[in-house]
């Protein structure tokens, strides 16, 4: 029923957050029972949430990041070049900002999230591709409004959650049903209280077919949840053959300004075994997360074999790997594209002996 509600029409597998949380809890409890270390690689992500660690899975991972011999690596996603994020600002002199969304032919529907940092509280209105206007819909503390059009079959469900339970931010959830093809315009109204800014996210690439995009997107704050969780290891992606950043590598920072990604690892044109045991070449942030998880396991193993042994948690392994990152001259680090640089696990060990 969630696939239907969120208009999922892609071909990739999708999961409920509760399923992933249960799987992670099972592995963590098993590792504690057997008294063995645990490194978890999460090579998937979502554009839902405040992109500041407020989604349930991000909260769970943040809460366990201090457990020793427990490390979590999450991919920052492949969203930077997908035109699925919009950042807007509302000066006090402007009554609203117009956000344009291109909807191709054949879309059964899609959803859109707008997040506004407290104490600001915004509201929305709409203009259809034919020019029909739905005026500003007032917000309440927690209310849902269905907006319809006279000359257009589209209906839009608007849900205001002015004080979101985990983050305290305002969430405006919009669900477009049978949208007409063309350029849809969402009008975002103030008034500005303090920050005067907002973020919008469409679903991740491949979630809806055909893909729906912003006409004036912003490539930053495109890291996917749960890589926005605090103290876990968040990995961006670069091309080890050219030493260039992967075009779609999820970029930071979080909406609260926390540094993400932590660093970048190779994830372009990598060859390895697939589930059928055949060699295949793939590209994506999940590959960078896999290499980083392997590096974290090496660090964990090294610490346990020392005398006296060293016990690391997720945040400590992250900082250990950051210590060895390679940084190019002329670039200021940390930054929203590369984090603290490129992963180099060998240099993380030798850096202790450098003078």
C-alpha atoms as a PDB file:
ATOM      1  CA  UNK A   1       0.000   0.000   0.000  1.00  0.00           C
ATOM      2  CA  UNK A   2       2.966   2.323   0.538  1.00  0.00           C
ATOM      3  CA  UNK A   3       4.059   1.815  -3.072  1.00  0.00           C
ATOM      4  CA  UNK A   4       0.611   2.945  -4.174  1.00  0.00           C
ATOM      5  CA  UNK A   5       0.486   5.875  -1.768  1.00  0.00           C
ATOM      6  CA  UNK A   6       3.879   7.217  -2.847  1.00  0.00           C
ATOM      7  CA  UNK A   7       3.289   6.377  -6.522  1.00  0.00           C
ATOM      8  CA  UNK A   8       6.288   4.103  -6.784  1.00  0.00           C
ATOM      9  CA  UNK A   9       6.689   3.020 -10.416  1.00  0.00           C
ATOM     10  CA  UNK A  10      10.392   2.123 -10.626  1.00  0.00           C
ATOM     11  CA  UNK A  11      12.036  -1.250 -11.104  1.00  0.00           C
ATOM     12  CA  UNK A  12      14.464  -1.281  -8.168  1.00  0.00           C
ATOM     13  CA  UNK A  13      13.558  -2.871  -4.816  1.00  0.00           C
ATOM     14  CA  UNK A  14      12.178  -0.580  -2.129  1.00  0.00           C
ATOM     15  CA  UNK A  15      12.034  -1.102   1.628  1.00  0.00           C
ATOM     16  CA  UNK A  16      10.155   0.238   4.604  1.00  0.00           C
ATOM     17  CA  UNK A  17      12.415   1.949   7.119  1.00  0.00           C
ATOM     18  CA  UNK A  18      11.045  -0.310   9.838  1.00  0.00           C
ATOM     19  CA  UNK A  19      12.293  -3.368   7.918  1.00  0.00           C
ATOM     20  CA  UNK A  20      15.802  -1.939   7.697  1.00  0.00           C
ATOM     21  CA  UNK A  21      15.719  -0.980  11.370  1.00  0.00           C
ATOM     22  CA  UNK A  22      14.679  -4.515  12.303  1.00  0.00           C
ATOM     23  CA  UNK A  23      17.445  -6.020  10.168  1.00  0.00           C
ATOM     24  CA  UNK A  24      20.031  -3.709  11.726  1.00  0.00           C
ATOM     25  CA  UNK A  25      18.754  -4.464  15.247  1.00  0.00           C
ATOM     26  CA  UNK A  26      18.959  -8.196  14.576  1.00  0.00           C
ATOM     27  CA  UNK A  27      22.574  -7.952  13.389  1.00  0.00           C
ATOM     28  CA  UNK A  28      23.563  -5.707  16.275  1.00  0.00           C
ATOM     29  CA  UNK A  29      21.997  -8.026  18.873  1.00  0.00           C
ATOM     30  CA  UNK A  30      23.580 -11.089  17.223  1.00  0.00           C
ATOM     31  CA  UNK A  31      27.000  -9.425  17.243  1.00  0.00           C
ATOM     32  CA  UNK A  32      26.615  -8.632  20.947  1.00  0.00           C
ATOM     33  CA  UNK A  33      25.511 -12.193  21.695  1.00  0.00           C
ATOM     34  CA  UNK A  34      28.474 -13.702  19.822  1.00  0.00           C
ATOM     35  CA  UNK A  35      30.832 -10.959  21.067  1.00  0.00           C
ATOM     36  CA  UNK A  36      32.105 -10.133  17.586  1.00  0.00           C
ATOM     37  CA  UNK A  37      32.469  -6.743  15.873  1.00  0.00           C
ATOM     38  CA  UNK A  38      29.885  -5.476  13.403  1.00  0.00           C
ATOM     39  CA  UNK A  39      30.285  -3.273  10.322  1.00  0.00           C
ATOM     40  CA  UNK A  40      27.084  -2.461   8.445  1.00  0.00           C
ATOM     41  CA  UNK A  41      27.000  -1.084   4.891  1.00  0.00           C
ATOM     42  CA  UNK A  42      23.828   0.741   3.865  1.00  0.00           C
ATOM     43  CA  UNK A  43      24.026   1.209   0.113  1.00  0.00           C
ATOM     44  CA  UNK A  44      20.614   2.802  -0.367  1.00  0.00           C
ATOM     45  CA  UNK A  45      18.912   6.056   0.462  1.00  0.00           C
ATOM     46  CA  UNK A  46      15.816   8.232   0.357  1.00  0.00           C
ATOM     47  CA  UNK A  47      15.022  11.881  -0.374  1.00  0.00           C
ATOM     48  CA  UNK A  48      12.342  11.891   2.302  1.00  0.00           C
ATOM     49  CA  UNK A  49      12.953  13.699   5.561  1.00  0.00           C
ATOM     50  CA  UNK A  50      14.607  16.900   6.700  1.00  0.00           C
ATOM     51  CA  UNK A  51      18.116  15.853   5.525  1.00  0.00           C
ATOM     52  CA  UNK A  52      19.422  16.567   9.002  1.00  0.00           C
ATOM     53  CA  UNK A  53      19.110  13.155  10.635  1.00  0.00           C
ATOM     54  CA  UNK A  54      15.423  13.358  11.534  1.00  0.00           C
ATOM     55  CA  UNK A  55      14.111  10.229   9.798  1.00  0.00           C
ATOM     56  CA  UNK A  56      13.552   7.135  12.000  1.00  0.00           C
ATOM     57  CA  UNK A  57      16.407   5.094  10.509  1.00  0.00           C
ATOM     58  CA  UNK A  58      18.813   8.029  10.849  1.00  0.00           C
ATOM     59  CA  UNK A  59      17.765   8.492  14.486  1.00  0.00           C
ATOM     60  CA  UNK A  60      18.354   4.794  15.253  1.00  0.00           C
ATOM     61  CA  UNK A  61      21.785   4.783  13.609  1.00  0.00           C
ATOM     62  CA  UNK A  62      22.788   7.994  15.403  1.00  0.00           C
ATOM     63  CA  UNK A  63      21.711   6.511  18.715  1.00  0.00           C
ATOM     64  CA  UNK A  64      23.958   3.461  18.313  1.00  0.00           C
ATOM     65  CA  UNK A  65      26.993   5.238  16.841  1.00  0.00           C
ATOM     66  CA  UNK A  66      28.755   5.274  20.210  1.00  0.00           C
ATOM     67  CA  UNK A  67      28.616   1.489  20.695  1.00  0.00           C
ATOM     68  CA  UNK A  68      32.097  -0.005  20.611  1.00  0.00           C
ATOM     69  CA  UNK A  69      32.968  -2.549  17.888  1.00  0.00           C
ATOM     70  CA  UNK A  70      29.969  -1.232  15.945  1.00  0.00           C
ATOM     71  CA  UNK A  71      30.358   0.806  12.742  1.00  0.00           C
ATOM     72  CA  UNK A  72      27.811   1.968  10.171  1.00  0.00           C
ATOM     73  CA  UNK A  73      28.650   3.201   6.668  1.00  0.00           C
ATOM     74  CA  UNK A  74      25.982   4.881   4.509  1.00  0.00           C
ATOM     75  CA  UNK A  75      26.161   5.998   0.893  1.00  0.00           C
ATOM     76  CA  UNK A  76      25.436   9.671   0.234  1.00  0.00           C
ATOM     77  CA  UNK A  77      23.449   8.742  -2.868  1.00  0.00           C
ATOM     78  CA  UNK A  78      23.495   9.610  -6.562  1.00  0.00           C
ATOM     79  CA  UNK A  79      21.272  12.694  -6.564  1.00  0.00           C
ATOM     80  CA  UNK A  80      23.479  15.747  -7.179  1.00  0.00           C
ATOM     81  CA  UNK A  81      22.828  15.905 -10.921  1.00  0.00           C
ATOM     82  CA  UNK A  82      19.272  14.556 -10.936  1.00  0.00           C
ATOM     83  CA  UNK A  83      17.410  17.893 -10.456  1.00  0.00           C
ATOM     84  CA  UNK A  84      15.445  16.599  -7.454  1.00  0.00           C
ATOM     85  CA  UNK A  85      16.350  19.296  -4.920  1.00  0.00           C
ATOM     86  CA  UNK A  86      15.299  22.935  -4.812  1.00  0.00           C
ATOM     87  CA  UNK A  87      16.526  25.585  -2.398  1.00  0.00           C
ATOM     88  CA  UNK A  88      14.637  28.844  -2.052  1.00  0.00           C
ATOM     89  CA  UNK A  89      14.787  32.042  -0.061  1.00  0.00           C
ATOM     90  CA  UNK A  90      11.983  34.491   0.617  1.00  0.00           C
ATOM     91  CA  UNK A  91      13.134  38.067   1.210  1.00  0.00           C
ATOM     92  CA  UNK A  92      10.779  40.143   3.320  1.00  0.00           C
ATOM     93  CA  UNK A  93       9.909  42.269   0.276  1.00  0.00           C
ATOM     94  CA  UNK A  94       8.619  39.253  -1.721  1.00  0.00           C
ATOM     95  CA  UNK A  95       5.231  37.684  -1.001  1.00  0.00           C
ATOM     96  CA  UNK A  96       5.982  34.292  -2.587  1.00  0.00           C
ATOM     97  CA  UNK A  97       8.535  32.323  -4.602  1.00  0.00           C
ATOM     98  CA  UNK A  98       7.545  30.219  -7.601  1.00  0.00           C
ATOM     99  CA  UNK A  99       9.038  26.734  -7.943  1.00  0.00           C
ATOM    100  CA  UNK A 100       8.697  25.132 -11.393  1.00  0.00           C
ATOM    101  CA  UNK A 101       8.390  21.363 -11.796  1.00  0.00           C
ATOM    102  CA  UNK A 102       8.465  19.576 -15.147  1.00  0.00           C
ATOM    103  CA  UNK A 103       6.037  16.642 -15.280  1.00  0.00           C
ATOM    104  CA  UNK A 104       6.355  14.424 -18.376  1.00  0.00           C
ATOM    105  CA  UNK A 105       3.509  12.642 -20.142  1.00  0.00           C
ATOM    106  CA  UNK A 106       2.302   9.431 -18.533  1.00  0.00           C
ATOM    107  CA  UNK A 107       2.933  10.148 -14.849  1.00  0.00           C
ATOM    108  CA  UNK A 108       0.299   8.532 -12.574  1.00  0.00           C
ATOM    109  CA  UNK A 109       1.331  10.804  -9.704  1.00  0.00           C
ATOM    110  CA  UNK A 110       4.174  11.905  -7.478  1.00  0.00           C
ATOM    111  CA  UNK A 111       4.861  13.406  -4.080  1.00  0.00           C
ATOM    112  CA  UNK A 112       6.898  16.390  -2.998  1.00  0.00           C
ATOM    113  CA  UNK A 113       8.253  17.410   0.412  1.00  0.00           C
ATOM    114  CA  UNK A 114       8.986  20.955   1.565  1.00  0.00           C
ATOM    115  CA  UNK A 115      10.906  21.492   4.784  1.00  0.00           C
ATOM    116  CA  UNK A 116      11.047  24.814   6.623  1.00  0.00           C
ATOM    117  CA  UNK A 117      13.286  25.399   9.593  1.00  0.00           C
ATOM    118  CA  UNK A 118      11.510  26.440  12.790  1.00  0.00           C
ATOM    119  CA  UNK A 119      10.272  29.002  13.793  1.00  0.00           C
ATOM    120  CA  UNK A 120       9.409  29.925  10.180  1.00  0.00           C
ATOM    121  CA  UNK A 121       6.104  28.544   8.851  1.00  0.00           C
ATOM    122  CA  UNK A 122       5.232  28.726   5.156  1.00  0.00           C
ATOM    123  CA  UNK A 123       2.217  27.834   3.019  1.00  0.00           C
ATOM    124  CA  UNK A 124       1.678  26.927  -0.631  1.00  0.00           C
ATOM    125  CA  UNK A 125      -0.513  27.542  -3.659  1.00  0.00           C
ATOM    126  CA  UNK A 126      -0.426  26.124  -7.187  1.00  0.00           C
ATOM    127  CA  UNK A 127      -0.619  27.034 -10.866  1.00  0.00           C
ATOM    128  CA  UNK A 128      -1.440  24.259 -13.356  1.00  0.00           C
ATOM    129  CA  UNK A 129       0.205  23.940 -16.792  1.00  0.00           C
ATOM    130  CA  UNK A 130      -2.927  25.518 -18.303  1.00  0.00           C
ATOM    131  CA  UNK A 131      -2.689  28.525 -15.987  1.00  0.00           C
ATOM    132  CA  UNK A 132      -5.420  27.637 -13.513  1.00  0.00           C
ATOM    133  CA  UNK A 133      -4.608  28.939 -10.030  1.00  0.00           C
ATOM    134  CA  UNK A 134      -5.194  27.455  -6.591  1.00  0.00           C
ATOM    135  CA  UNK A 135      -4.800  30.301  -4.140  1.00  0.00           C
ATOM    136  CA  UNK A 136      -2.684  30.152  -1.026  1.00  0.00           C
ATOM    137  CA  UNK A 137      -3.799  27.306   1.238  1.00  0.00           C
ATOM    138  CA  UNK A 138      -3.565  28.420   4.891  1.00  0.00           C
ATOM    139  CA  UNK A 139      -1.665  26.136   7.222  1.00  0.00           C
ATOM    140  CA  UNK A 140      -2.757  24.805  10.566  1.00  0.00           C
ATOM    141  CA  UNK A 141      -0.944  22.948  13.290  1.00  0.00           C
ATOM    142  CA  UNK A 142      -1.651  19.618  11.599  1.00  0.00           C
ATOM    143  CA  UNK A 143      -4.154  19.732   8.743  1.00  0.00           C
ATOM    144  CA  UNK A 144      -4.781  18.210   5.306  1.00  0.00           C
ATOM    145  CA  UNK A 145      -6.449  19.943   2.350  1.00  0.00           C
ATOM    146  CA  UNK A 146      -7.407  18.507  -1.052  1.00  0.00           C
ATOM    147  CA  UNK A 147      -7.059  21.024  -3.875  1.00  0.00           C
ATOM    148  CA  UNK A 148      -8.835  20.503  -7.192  1.00  0.00           C
ATOM    149  CA  UNK A 149      -9.067  22.289 -10.527  1.00  0.00           C
ATOM    150  CA  UNK A 150     -12.024  23.109 -12.767  1.00  0.00           C
ATOM    151  CA  UNK A 151     -10.352  22.486 -16.136  1.00  0.00           C
ATOM    152  CA  UNK A 152      -7.709  19.978 -15.035  1.00  0.00           C
ATOM    153  CA  UNK A 153      -8.178  16.390 -13.757  1.00  0.00           C
ATOM    154  CA  UNK A 154      -5.292  16.785 -11.280  1.00  0.00           C
ATOM    155  CA  UNK A 155      -5.931  16.780  -7.547  1.00  0.00           C
ATOM    156  CA  UNK A 156      -3.307  17.791  -4.987  1.00  0.00           C
ATOM    157  CA  UNK A 157      -3.346  16.639  -1.392  1.00  0.00           C
ATOM    158  CA  UNK A 158      -1.540  19.105   0.872  1.00  0.00           C
ATOM    159  CA  UNK A 159      -0.646  18.064   4.397  1.00  0.00           C
ATOM    160  CA  UNK A 160       0.791  20.627   6.815  1.00  0.00           C
ATOM    161  CA  UNK A 161       2.776  19.384   9.793  1.00  0.00           C
ATOM    162  CA  UNK A 162       3.835  22.674  11.329  1.00  0.00           C
ATOM    163  CA  UNK A 163       5.827  21.084  14.165  1.00  0.00           C
ATOM    164  CA  UNK A 164       7.308  17.813  12.951  1.00  0.00           C
ATOM    165  CA  UNK A 165       7.640  15.329  15.799  1.00  0.00           C
ATOM    166  CA  UNK A 166      11.387  14.620  15.642  1.00  0.00           C
ATOM    167  CA  UNK A 167      12.897  17.778  14.169  1.00  0.00           C
ATOM    168  CA  UNK A 168      10.491  20.547  15.191  1.00  0.00           C
ATOM    169  CA  UNK A 169      10.668  21.850  11.610  1.00  0.00           C
ATOM    170  CA  UNK A 170       7.643  22.424   9.386  1.00  0.00           C
ATOM    171  CA  UNK A 171       6.843  19.741   6.795  1.00  0.00           C
ATOM    172  CA  UNK A 172       4.573  20.463   3.830  1.00  0.00           C
ATOM    173  CA  UNK A 173       3.776  17.170   2.130  1.00  0.00           C
ATOM    174  CA  UNK A 174       2.201  17.442  -1.344  1.00  0.00           C
ATOM    175  CA  UNK A 175       0.765  14.515  -3.289  1.00  0.00           C
ATOM    176  CA  UNK A 176      -0.128  15.074  -6.946  1.00  0.00           C
ATOM    177  CA  UNK A 177      -2.688  12.640  -8.379  1.00  0.00           C
ATOM    178  CA  UNK A 178      -3.014  12.237 -12.181  1.00  0.00           C
ATOM    179  CA  UNK A 179      -0.915  15.358 -12.904  1.00  0.00           C
ATOM    180  CA  UNK A 180      -1.310  16.844 -16.359  1.00  0.00           C
ATOM    181  CA  UNK A 181       1.959  16.980 -18.329  1.00  0.00           C
ATOM    182  CA  UNK A 182       3.753  20.284 -18.496  1.00  0.00           C
ATOM    183  CA  UNK A 183       5.221  22.803 -16.082  1.00  0.00           C
ATOM    184  CA  UNK A 184       3.592  22.873 -12.658  1.00  0.00           C
ATOM    185  CA  UNK A 185       4.249  25.884 -10.450  1.00  0.00           C
ATOM    186  CA  UNK A 186       4.243  25.725  -6.670  1.00  0.00           C
ATOM    187  CA  UNK A 187       3.993  29.108  -4.988  1.00  0.00           C
ATOM    188  CA  UNK A 188       5.676  29.168  -1.594  1.00  0.00           C
ATOM    189  CA  UNK A 189       4.443  31.957   0.694  1.00  0.00           C
ATOM    190  CA  UNK A 190       6.073  33.473   3.796  1.00  0.00           C
ATOM    191  CA  UNK A 191       6.010  35.409   5.957  1.00  0.00           C
ATOM    192  CA  UNK A 192       9.633  35.203   6.963  1.00  0.00           C
ATOM    193  CA  UNK A 193      10.063  34.918  10.715  1.00  0.00           C
ATOM    194  CA  UNK A 194      13.766  34.239  11.097  1.00  0.00           C
ATOM    195  CA  UNK A 195      15.531  32.263   8.355  1.00  0.00           C
ATOM    196  CA  UNK A 196      13.303  32.840   5.322  1.00  0.00           C
ATOM    197  CA  UNK A 197      14.526  29.755   3.455  1.00  0.00           C
ATOM    198  CA  UNK A 198      13.120  26.360   2.497  1.00  0.00           C
ATOM    199  CA  UNK A 199      14.135  23.084   0.844  1.00  0.00           C
ATOM    200  CA  UNK A 200      12.112  20.913  -1.538  1.00  0.00           C
ATOM    201  CA  UNK A 201      12.839  17.327  -2.550  1.00  0.00           C
ATOM    202  CA  UNK A 202      11.340  15.086  -5.198  1.00  0.00           C
ATOM    203  CA  UNK A 203      11.775  11.290  -4.883  1.00  0.00           C
ATOM    204  CA  UNK A 204      15.183   9.798  -5.704  1.00  0.00           C
ATOM    205  CA  UNK A 205      16.045   8.921  -9.279  1.00  0.00           C
ATOM    206  CA  UNK A 206      14.326   5.723 -10.422  1.00  0.00           C
ATOM    207  CA  UNK A 207      11.493   5.999  -7.896  1.00  0.00           C
ATOM    208  CA  UNK A 208       9.029   7.433 -10.398  1.00  0.00           C
ATOM    209  CA  UNK A 209       8.870   6.664 -14.096  1.00  0.00           C
ATOM    210  CA  UNK A 210       8.930   8.907 -16.034  1.00  0.00           C
ATOM    211  CA  UNK A 211      11.266  11.047 -13.946  1.00  0.00           C
ATOM    212  CA  UNK A 212      10.012  14.393 -12.630  1.00  0.00           C
ATOM    213  CA  UNK A 213      12.449  17.274 -12.136  1.00  0.00           C
ATOM    214  CA  UNK A 214      12.813  20.856 -10.956  1.00  0.00           C
ATOM    215  CA  UNK A 215      13.585  23.352 -13.725  1.00  0.00           C
ATOM    216  CA  UNK A 216      15.954  25.321 -11.467  1.00  0.00           C
ATOM    217  CA  UNK A 217      17.471  22.690  -9.162  1.00  0.00           C
ATOM    218  CA  UNK A 218      20.176  23.028  -6.536  1.00  0.00           C
ATOM    219  CA  UNK A 219      22.905  20.366  -6.505  1.00  0.00           C
ATOM    220  CA  UNK A 220      23.755  20.852  -2.826  1.00  0.00           C
ATOM    221  CA  UNK A 221      22.050  19.202   0.168  1.00  0.00           C
ATOM    222  CA  UNK A 222      21.435  16.212  -2.094  1.00  0.00           C
ATOM    223  CA  UNK A 223      22.818  13.572   0.274  1.00  0.00           C
ATOM    224  CA  UNK A 224      20.197  10.911   0.935  1.00  0.00           C
ATOM    225  CA  UNK A 225      18.964   9.595   4.264  1.00  0.00           C
ATOM    226  CA  UNK A 226      20.328   7.842   6.317  1.00  0.00           C
ATOM    227  CA  UNK A 227      23.743   9.297   5.361  1.00  0.00           C
ATOM    228  CA  UNK A 228      22.598  12.451   7.190  1.00  0.00           C
ATOM    229  CA  UNK A 229      22.731  10.616  10.543  1.00  0.00           C
ATOM    230  CA  UNK A 230      25.273  12.035  12.968  1.00  0.00           C
ATOM    231  CA  UNK A 231      28.491  10.142  13.762  1.00  0.00           C
ATOM    232  CA  UNK A 232      28.026   7.407  11.169  1.00  0.00           C
ATOM    233  CA  UNK A 233      30.404   7.234   8.181  1.00  0.00           C
ATOM    234  CA  UNK A 234      28.885   9.034   5.176  1.00  0.00           C
ATOM    235  CA  UNK A 235      30.624   8.354   1.853  1.00  0.00           C
ATOM    236  CA  UNK A 236      30.573  10.350  -1.377  1.00  0.00           C
ATOM    237  CA  UNK A 237      31.753   8.996  -4.733  1.00  0.00           C
ATOM    238  CA  UNK A 238      34.619   9.809  -7.077  1.00  0.00           C
ATOM    239  CA  UNK A 239      36.203   8.370 -10.227  1.00  0.00           C
ATOM    240  CA  UNK A 240      39.541   6.755  -9.302  1.00  0.00           C
ATOM    241  CA  UNK A 241      40.568   6.649 -12.983  1.00  0.00           C
ATOM    242  CA  UNK A 242      40.288  10.412 -13.523  1.00  0.00           C
ATOM    243  CA  UNK A 243      40.443  11.568  -9.860  1.00  0.00           C
ATOM    244  CA  UNK A 244      37.322  13.623 -10.544  1.00  0.00           C
ATOM    245  CA  UNK A 245      34.167  13.817  -8.456  1.00  0.00           C
ATOM    246  CA  UNK A 246      31.314  11.642  -9.724  1.00  0.00           C
ATOM    247  CA  UNK A 247      28.719  13.961 -11.283  1.00  0.00           C
ATOM    248  CA  UNK A 248      25.820  12.587  -9.239  1.00  0.00           C
ATOM    249  CA  UNK A 249      27.676  12.098  -5.951  1.00  0.00           C
ATOM    250  CA  UNK A 250      25.392  13.290  -3.154  1.00  0.00           C
ATOM    251  CA  UNK A 251      26.562  16.622  -1.779  1.00  0.00           C
ATOM    252  CA  UNK A 252      26.228  18.213   1.638  1.00  0.00           C
ATOM    253  CA  UNK A 253      25.853  19.742   3.942  1.00  0.00           C
ATOM    254  CA  UNK A 254      22.840  18.805   6.021  1.00  0.00           C
ATOM    255  CA  UNK A 255      20.129  21.415   6.374  1.00  0.00           C
ATOM    256  CA  UNK A 256      21.566  22.248   9.811  1.00  0.00           C
ATOM    257  CA  UNK A 257      25.044  22.807   8.338  1.00  0.00           C
ATOM    258  CA  UNK A 258      26.672  19.592   9.619  1.00  0.00           C
ATOM    259  CA  UNK A 259      29.614  18.515   7.441  1.00  0.00           C
ATOM    260  CA  UNK A 260      28.687  15.759   4.971  1.00  0.00           C
ATOM    261  CA  UNK A 261      30.019  13.738   3.254  1.00  0.00           C
ATOM    262  CA  UNK A 262      32.898  12.696   5.480  1.00  0.00           C
ATOM    263  CA  UNK A 263      35.038  11.789   2.459  1.00  0.00           C
ATOM    264  CA  UNK A 264      34.744  10.232  -0.991  1.00  0.00           C
ATOM    265  CA  UNK A 265      35.664   6.713  -2.112  1.00  0.00           C
ATOM    266  CA  UNK A 266      35.953   5.163  -5.603  1.00  0.00           C
ATOM    267  CA  UNK A 267      32.606   4.239  -7.129  1.00  0.00           C
ATOM    268  CA  UNK A 268      32.832   4.761 -10.899  1.00  0.00           C
ATOM    269  CA  UNK A 269      33.388   1.882 -13.318  1.00  0.00           C
ATOM    270  CA  UNK A 270      34.263  -0.683 -10.648  1.00  0.00           C
ATOM    271  CA  UNK A 271      34.397  -4.363 -11.586  1.00  0.00           C
ATOM    272  CA  UNK A 272      33.365  -7.129  -9.211  1.00  0.00           C
ATOM    273  CA  UNK A 273      31.170 -10.175  -8.714  1.00  0.00           C
ATOM    274  CA  UNK A 274      27.404  -9.857  -8.930  1.00  0.00           C
ATOM    275  CA  UNK A 275      24.844 -12.010  -7.121  1.00  0.00           C
ATOM    276  CA  UNK A 276      25.138 -14.701  -9.816  1.00  0.00           C
ATOM    277  CA  UNK A 277      28.914 -14.955  -9.425  1.00  0.00           C
ATOM    278  CA  UNK A 278      29.694 -13.196 -12.703  1.00  0.00           C
ATOM    279  CA  UNK A 279      32.014 -10.252 -13.224  1.00  0.00           C
ATOM    280  CA  UNK A 280      30.185  -7.003 -13.835  1.00  0.00           C
ATOM    281  CA  UNK A 281      31.047  -3.290 -13.958  1.00  0.00           C
ATOM    282  CA  UNK A 282      28.944  -0.852 -11.976  1.00  0.00           C
ATOM    283  CA  UNK A 283      28.855   2.810 -10.961  1.00  0.00           C
ATOM    284  CA  UNK A 284      27.232   4.374  -7.911  1.00  0.00           C
ATOM    285  CA  UNK A 285      27.528   5.476  -4.326  1.00  0.00           C
ATOM    286  CA  UNK A 286      26.695   1.994  -3.007  1.00  0.00           C
ATOM    287  CA  UNK A 287      30.068   0.824  -4.393  1.00  0.00           C
ATOM    288  CA  UNK A 288      31.889   3.647  -2.611  1.00  0.00           C
ATOM    289  CA  UNK A 289      30.060   2.701   0.592  1.00  0.00           C
ATOM    290  CA  UNK A 290      31.085  -0.949   0.124  1.00  0.00           C
ATOM    291  CA  UNK A 291      34.773  -0.045  -0.192  1.00  0.00           C
ATOM    292  CA  UNK A 292      34.478   2.192   2.862  1.00  0.00           C
ATOM    293  CA  UNK A 293      32.772  -0.554   4.886  1.00  0.00           C
ATOM    294  CA  UNK A 294      35.625  -2.908   3.982  1.00  0.00           C
ATOM    295  CA  UNK A 295      38.104  -0.283   5.144  1.00  0.00           C
ATOM    296  CA  UNK A 296      36.207   0.120   8.409  1.00  0.00           C
ATOM    297  CA  UNK A 297      36.350  -3.659   8.928  1.00  0.00           C
ATOM    298  CA  UNK A 298      40.132  -3.619   8.417  1.00  0.00           C
ATOM    299  CA  UNK A 299      40.509  -0.876  11.024  1.00  0.00           C
ATOM    300  CA  UNK A 300      38.269  -2.788  13.433  1.00  0.00           C
ATOM    301  CA  UNK A 301      40.262  -5.992  12.914  1.00  0.00           C
ATOM    302  CA  UNK A 302      43.593  -4.173  13.343  1.00  0.00           C
ATOM    303  CA  UNK A 303      42.460  -2.690  16.658  1.00  0.00           C
ATOM    304  CA  UNK A 304      41.306  -6.048  18.020  1.00  0.00           C
ATOM    305  CA  UNK A 305      44.655  -7.686  17.178  1.00  0.00           C
ATOM    306  CA  UNK A 306      46.739  -5.113  19.018  1.00  0.00           C
ATOM    307  CA  UNK A 307      48.012  -5.633  22.534  1.00  0.00           C
ATOM    308  CA  UNK A 308      46.368  -4.117  24.435  1.00  0.00           C
ATOM    309  CA  UNK A 309      43.486  -4.219  21.929  1.00  0.00           C
ATOM    310  CA  UNK A 310      41.724  -1.096  20.731  1.00  0.00           C
ATOM    311  CA  UNK A 311      37.927  -0.909  20.572  1.00  0.00           C
ATOM    312  CA  UNK A 312      36.422   1.520  18.054  1.00  0.00           C
ATOM    313  CA  UNK A 313      32.927   2.850  17.555  1.00  0.00           C
ATOM    314  CA  UNK A 314      31.516   4.314  14.350  1.00  0.00           C
ATOM    315  CA  UNK A 315      32.559   7.899  15.073  1.00  0.00           C
ATOM    316  CA  UNK A 316      36.111   6.862  15.982  1.00  0.00           C
ATOM    317  CA  UNK A 317      36.575   4.817  12.811  1.00  0.00           C
ATOM    318  CA  UNK A 318      35.224   7.733  10.796  1.00  0.00           C
ATOM    319  CA  UNK A 319      37.796  10.076  12.336  1.00  0.00           C
ATOM    320  CA  UNK A 320      40.529   7.459  11.886  1.00  0.00           C
ATOM    321  CA  UNK A 321      39.762   7.230   8.158  1.00  0.00           C
ATOM    322  CA  UNK A 322      39.490  11.010   7.824  1.00  0.00           C
ATOM    323  CA  UNK A 323      43.027  11.277   9.213  1.00  0.00           C
ATOM    324  CA  UNK A 324      44.371   9.460   6.156  1.00  0.00           C
ATOM    325  CA  UNK A 325      42.336  11.164   3.432  1.00  0.00           C
ATOM    326  CA  UNK A 326      44.184  12.574   0.421  1.00  0.00           C
ATOM    327  CA  UNK A 327      43.548  16.253  -0.299  1.00  0.00           C
ATOM    328  CA  UNK A 328      44.311  18.082  -3.526  1.00  0.00           C
ATOM    329  CA  UNK A 329      46.170  21.410  -3.388  1.00  0.00           C
ATOM    330  CA  UNK A 330      44.060  24.436  -4.215  1.00  0.00           C
ATOM    331  CA  UNK A 331      40.876  22.996  -2.684  1.00  0.00           C
ATOM    332  CA  UNK A 332      39.623  24.103   0.709  1.00  0.00           C
ATOM    333  CA  UNK A 333      38.630  21.190   2.974  1.00  0.00           C
ATOM    334  CA  UNK A 334      36.235  20.108   4.307  1.00  0.00           C
ATOM    335  CA  UNK A 335      33.752  20.976   1.587  1.00  0.00           C
ATOM    336  CA  UNK A 336      30.307  19.923   0.447  1.00  0.00           C
ATOM    337  CA  UNK A 337      31.556  17.842  -2.481  1.00  0.00           C
ATOM    338  CA  UNK A 338      34.593  15.941  -1.160  1.00  0.00           C
ATOM    339  CA  UNK A 339      34.189  16.182   2.587  1.00  0.00           C
ATOM    340  CA  UNK A 340      37.712  15.831   4.036  1.00  0.00           C
ATOM    341  CA  UNK A 341      39.169  14.322   0.858  1.00  0.00           C
ATOM    342  CA  UNK A 342      39.638  10.899  -0.773  1.00  0.00           C
ATOM    343  CA  UNK A 343      39.687   7.676   1.209  1.00  0.00           C
ATOM    344  CA  UNK A 344      43.145   6.132   1.677  1.00  0.00           C
ATOM    345  CA  UNK A 345      43.028   3.507   4.405  1.00  0.00           C
ATOM    346  CA  UNK A 346      46.762   2.734   4.187  1.00  0.00           C
ATOM    347  CA  UNK A 347      47.604   6.387   4.799  1.00  0.00           C
ATOM    348  CA  UNK A 348      45.289   6.365   7.825  1.00  0.00           C
ATOM    349  CA  UNK A 349      47.775   3.973   9.461  1.00  0.00           C
ATOM    350  CA  UNK A 350      50.995   5.604   8.237  1.00  0.00           C
ATOM    351  CA  UNK A 351      49.810   9.108   9.207  1.00  0.00           C
ATOM    352  CA  UNK A 352      50.557   8.246  12.845  1.00  0.00           C
ATOM    353  CA  UNK A 353      54.244   8.004  11.967  1.00  0.00           C
ATOM    354  CA  UNK A 354      54.478  11.116   9.789  1.00  0.00           C
ATOM    355  CA  UNK A 355      56.304  14.111  11.194  1.00  0.00           C
END
